[in-house]
Protein backbone atom coordinates (compact mmCIF):
# COMPACT_ATOMS: atom_id res chain seq x y z
CA MET A 1 -0.37 0.31 0.04
CA ARG A 2 1.24 3.22 -1.16
CA MET A 3 1.67 5.74 1.96
CA PHE A 4 0.55 8.96 -0.72
CA SER A 5 -1.44 9.44 -3.34
CA PRO A 6 0.37 10.44 -6.61
CA ALA A 7 -1.42 14.08 -6.13
CA LEU A 8 0.52 14.28 -3.17
CA ALA A 9 3.76 14.96 -5.47
CA ARG A 10 1.74 17.35 -7.95
CA ASP A 11 0.28 19.35 -5.10
CA LEU A 12 3.74 19.82 -3.34
CA ALA A 13 5.11 20.89 -6.54
CA ALA A 14 2.69 23.44 -6.66
CA LEU A 15 4.51 24.79 -3.28
CA GLY A 16 7.65 25.15 -5.10
CA ARG A 17 6.36 27.81 -7.44
CA VAL A 18 6.92 30.75 -6.19
CA HIS A 19 4.52 34.04 -6.89
CA GLU A 20 3.57 37.54 -5.47
CA GLY A 21 2.36 36.90 -2.10
CA THR A 22 4.31 33.41 -1.74
CA SER A 23 5.27 33.27 1.72
CA MET A 24 6.83 30.46 4.64
CA GLU A 25 3.48 30.77 6.15
CA SER A 26 1.96 30.12 2.81
CA VAL A 27 4.25 26.95 2.16
CA LEU A 28 3.24 26.02 5.67
CA ARG A 29 -0.28 26.27 5.28
CA GLY A 30 -0.10 24.12 1.14
CA ILE A 31 1.59 21.39 3.74
CA THR A 32 -0.85 20.88 5.80
CA GLY A 33 -3.72 20.69 3.46
CA ALA A 34 -1.68 18.67 0.68
CA VAL A 35 -1.05 15.95 3.37
CA ALA A 36 -4.87 15.75 4.88
CA VAL A 37 -6.14 14.99 1.11
CA GLY A 38 -2.98 13.34 -0.22
CA VAL A 39 -2.05 10.81 2.63
CA PRO A 40 -4.54 7.67 2.94
CA GLY A 41 -6.49 7.15 5.87
CA CYS A 42 -4.68 11.10 7.45
CA ALA A 43 -7.71 13.35 8.10
CA GLY A 44 -5.89 16.59 9.34
CA GLY A 45 -2.01 17.63 9.34
CA THR A 46 0.13 20.06 11.39
CA VAL A 47 3.60 21.55 10.21
CA GLU A 48 6.40 22.87 12.93
CA LEU A 49 8.90 24.77 11.60
CA ARG A 50 12.00 24.98 14.37
CA ARG A 51 15.60 25.54 14.80
CA ASP A 52 15.94 25.40 18.36
CA GLU A 53 12.58 26.37 19.22
CA ARG A 54 9.39 26.49 17.36
CA LEU A 55 9.35 29.62 14.52
CA MET A 56 6.14 28.99 12.54
CA PHE A 57 3.61 26.66 12.83
CA SER A 58 0.17 25.81 10.96
CA ALA A 59 -2.57 23.18 11.05
CA SER A 60 -5.27 22.11 8.55
CA HIS A 61 -8.00 22.42 11.56
CA SER A 62 -8.13 24.44 14.58
CA ASP A 63 -8.50 20.68 16.90
CA LEU A 64 -4.83 20.23 15.72
CA ILE A 65 -4.03 23.91 17.26
CA ALA A 66 -5.40 22.90 20.51
CA LEU A 67 -4.04 19.34 20.28
CA VAL A 68 -0.20 20.23 19.54
CA ASP A 69 -0.66 23.46 22.28
CA ARG A 70 -1.84 20.91 25.09
CA GLU A 71 1.29 18.63 24.06
CA GLN A 72 3.59 21.38 24.34
CA ALA A 73 1.84 21.81 28.14
CA LEU A 74 1.86 18.50 29.26
CA GLY A 75 5.52 17.89 28.01
CA GLU A 76 4.73 14.59 26.15
CA GLY A 77 3.58 13.28 22.87
CA PRO A 78 4.72 12.46 19.68
CA ALA A 79 5.72 15.33 18.04
CA LEU A 80 7.82 16.24 21.20
CA GLU A 81 9.19 12.66 20.69
CA ALA A 82 10.11 12.65 17.21
CA VAL A 83 11.93 16.39 17.62
CA ALA A 84 14.28 14.71 20.66
CA SER A 85 14.70 11.34 18.73
CA ARG A 86 15.09 13.19 15.16
CA ARG A 87 12.97 9.31 13.92
CA ASN A 88 9.73 8.92 12.89
CA VAL A 89 7.29 8.32 15.24
CA LEU A 90 4.20 6.21 14.98
CA VAL A 91 1.46 5.76 16.99
CA PRO A 92 -1.25 3.31 15.59
CA ASP A 93 -3.87 3.65 18.14
CA LEU A 94 -4.16 6.28 21.02
CA LEU A 95 -6.22 4.20 22.74
CA GLN A 96 -3.60 1.78 23.69
CA GLU A 97 -0.59 3.80 23.51
CA THR A 98 0.94 3.63 27.37
CA ARG A 99 4.19 6.00 26.47
CA TRP A 100 2.12 9.67 27.05
CA PRO A 101 -1.20 8.59 28.92
CA ARG A 102 -2.28 11.98 29.62
CA TYR A 103 -1.29 13.02 25.61
CA ALA A 104 -2.72 9.94 24.53
CA ALA A 105 -6.50 10.82 26.56
CA THR A 106 -6.37 14.65 25.21
CA ALA A 107 -5.95 13.39 21.51
CA VAL A 108 -8.70 10.95 21.82
CA HIS A 109 -10.70 13.66 22.93
CA TYR A 110 -10.20 15.53 19.83
CA GLY A 111 -11.49 12.59 18.06
CA VAL A 112 -7.70 11.49 17.23
CA ARG A 113 -7.21 7.92 17.41
CA ALA A 114 -3.96 7.37 14.95
CA ALA A 115 -0.80 9.48 14.38
CA LEU A 116 2.12 10.03 12.29
CA VAL A 117 5.00 12.40 13.07
CA LEU A 118 8.09 13.11 10.47
CA PRO A 119 10.83 15.20 11.94
CA ILE A 120 12.29 16.64 8.39
CA ALA A 121 15.67 18.34 7.78
CA ILE A 122 15.47 21.36 5.49
CA GLU A 123 18.62 23.33 5.46
CA ASP A 124 19.83 24.90 8.73
CA ALA A 125 16.14 24.11 10.06
CA THR A 126 13.66 21.14 10.93
CA LEU A 127 10.24 20.69 10.01
CA VAL A 128 7.81 18.80 12.15
CA LEU A 129 5.31 17.09 10.22
CA GLY A 130 2.61 15.81 11.73
CA LEU A 131 -0.36 13.50 10.05
CA TYR A 132 -3.60 12.48 12.23
CA ALA A 133 -6.38 10.06 11.75
CA VAL A 134 -10.05 9.00 13.08
CA ARG A 135 -9.49 5.53 12.97
CA PRO A 136 -6.34 3.26 15.00
CA GLY A 137 -3.92 1.82 12.40
CA ALA A 138 -4.48 4.61 9.18
CA PHE A 139 -0.73 4.67 8.70
CA THR A 140 0.50 1.21 9.57
CA GLY A 141 0.15 0.04 5.47
CA GLY A 142 3.34 1.30 4.47
CA SER A 143 6.50 2.73 5.15
CA ALA A 144 6.66 6.42 6.23
CA ASP A 145 10.45 6.49 4.41
CA PRO A 146 9.06 7.43 0.59
CA LEU A 147 6.61 9.74 2.32
CA ALA A 148 9.43 11.83 4.36
CA ALA A 149 11.77 11.97 0.67
CA LEU A 150 9.00 13.24 -1.22
CA LEU A 151 8.68 15.95 1.22
CA THR A 152 12.15 16.79 1.17
CA GLU A 153 12.53 16.86 -2.03
CA HIS A 154 9.70 19.07 -3.04
CA LEU A 155 10.31 21.62 0.41
CA THR A 156 13.57 22.06 -0.52
CA VAL A 157 13.18 23.40 -3.51
CA ALA A 158 10.58 25.63 -2.01
CA LEU A 159 12.42 27.02 0.46
CA ALA A 160 14.92 27.61 -1.87
CA ASN A 161 12.55 29.33 -4.24
CA ILE A 162 11.28 31.26 -1.65
CA SER A 163 14.56 32.04 -0.48
CA ASP A 164 15.54 33.23 -4.13
CA TYR A 165 13.06 35.05 -4.60
CA ASP A 166 12.87 37.15 -1.34
CA GLU A 167 16.68 38.37 -2.56
CA VAL A 168 15.36 38.94 -5.53
CA LEU A 169 12.28 41.39 -4.09
CA THR A 170 15.47 42.83 -1.98
CA ASP A 171 17.62 43.72 -4.57
CA ALA A 172 14.64 45.23 -6.64
CA ALA A 173 13.26 47.19 -3.69
CA GLN A 174 17.43 48.60 -2.96
CA LEU A 175 17.14 49.68 -6.63
CA GLN A 176 14.13 51.34 -6.22
CA GLU A 177 15.43 53.66 -3.04
CA ALA A 178 18.26 53.89 -4.83
CA LEU A 179 16.81 55.41 -8.07
CA ALA A 180 14.53 57.66 -5.94
CA GLY A 181 17.32 58.69 -3.82
CA ARG A 182 19.17 59.89 -6.86
CA SER A 183 16.27 61.60 -8.00
CA VAL A 184 15.77 63.09 -5.08
CA ILE A 185 19.33 64.20 -5.07
CA ASP A 186 19.13 65.67 -8.80
CA GLN A 187 16.51 67.88 -7.51
CA ALA A 188 18.68 69.38 -4.30
CA LYS A 189 21.37 69.80 -6.94
CA GLY A 190 19.43 71.86 -9.07
CA ILE A 191 17.91 73.68 -5.87
CA ILE A 192 21.16 74.83 -5.08
CA MET A 193 22.50 75.34 -8.82
CA HIS A 194 20.03 77.99 -9.32
CA ALA A 195 19.76 79.74 -6.08
CA SER A 196 24.37 79.94 -6.30
CA GLY A 197 24.74 79.30 -9.70
CA CYS A 198 27.06 77.04 -9.52
CA SER A 199 27.85 73.71 -11.91
CA ALA A 200 26.65 70.26 -10.82
CA GLU A 201 29.30 69.05 -9.34
CA ALA A 202 30.20 71.69 -6.50
CA ALA A 203 26.28 71.48 -5.83
CA PHE A 204 27.35 67.83 -5.25
CA ASP A 205 30.15 68.66 -3.41
CA GLU A 206 27.89 71.17 -0.94
CA LEU A 207 25.22 68.44 -0.30
CA ARG A 208 27.77 66.03 1.22
CA ARG A 209 29.84 68.66 2.85
CA LEU A 210 26.40 69.43 4.68
CA SER A 211 25.56 66.34 5.19
CA GLN A 212 28.94 65.35 6.60
CA HIS A 213 28.17 68.27 9.14
CA HIS A 214 24.79 67.20 10.11
CA GLN A 215 25.63 63.39 9.92
CA VAL A 216 22.46 62.63 7.80
CA LYS A 217 22.94 60.58 4.73
CA VAL A 218 23.18 63.16 1.38
CA ALA A 219 19.70 61.96 0.11
CA ASP A 220 17.85 62.59 3.35
CA LEU A 221 19.48 65.91 3.23
CA ALA A 222 18.43 65.88 -0.39
CA ARG A 223 14.61 65.08 0.74
CA LEU A 224 14.61 67.37 3.33
CA LEU A 225 16.17 70.54 1.10
CA VAL A 226 13.21 69.93 -1.67
CA SER A 227 10.68 69.37 0.72
CA GLU A 228 11.24 73.13 2.28
CA HIS A 229 11.83 74.83 -1.60
CA GLN A 230 8.14 73.25 -2.60
CA SER A 231 6.56 74.21 0.59
CA LYS A 232 8.06 77.81 -0.02
CA HIS A 233 7.84 78.01 -3.75
CA GLY A 234 5.19 75.29 -4.48
CA GLY A 235 5.66 72.83 -7.39
CA ALA A 236 8.88 70.63 -8.24
CA ALA A 237 12.33 71.98 -7.83
CA PRO A 238 14.70 73.61 -10.27
CA SER A 239 16.24 70.44 -12.42
């Protein structure tokens, strides 16, 4: 029996296609939704991004948020065991689970009868994926290793793409800021040239001298000069 459906690979691959609005949070939400649909017997999922501690968390259902929070409060349960041991943790039937009696009672209260938790190493972090079922034995029909390998492959790509995308956005924002700064500096130079009759080079030297004297950036000083000129005279600064 396969641990996951062919559709799961497709849905996970889609998480790697980064576009406007894509974030780590949206990828985590996508993971929980994909496993809930693509893993036979799985009724819901949780995923936690960790380094030394939890950085982000997402769940497909609100009851699972409460269950994982309760696990943290109790200090016992499969997710904590998976993080500590760095190994997959399978709970075939929570009604018969003796390792974590308080957690098991809470899980059954929320309608969870079986659980599988996979700690997945992604770059310098760990994704702790929890799969939950409403019937016992839901995850005992196949090895969890192929599922973990599939998730590792696609999530590594998704995280790398997000990192590259963020870098591109940062570069674009910095370029836009630099262009805006250059424009306002040119306007400030025009104001100085118009007032003193000096050259563009001399106007920039004066801007730089004033910025050093007042310990402010040239662009910030230029914005202040342009703003004051516009408030006094109205309209755009001379160019």
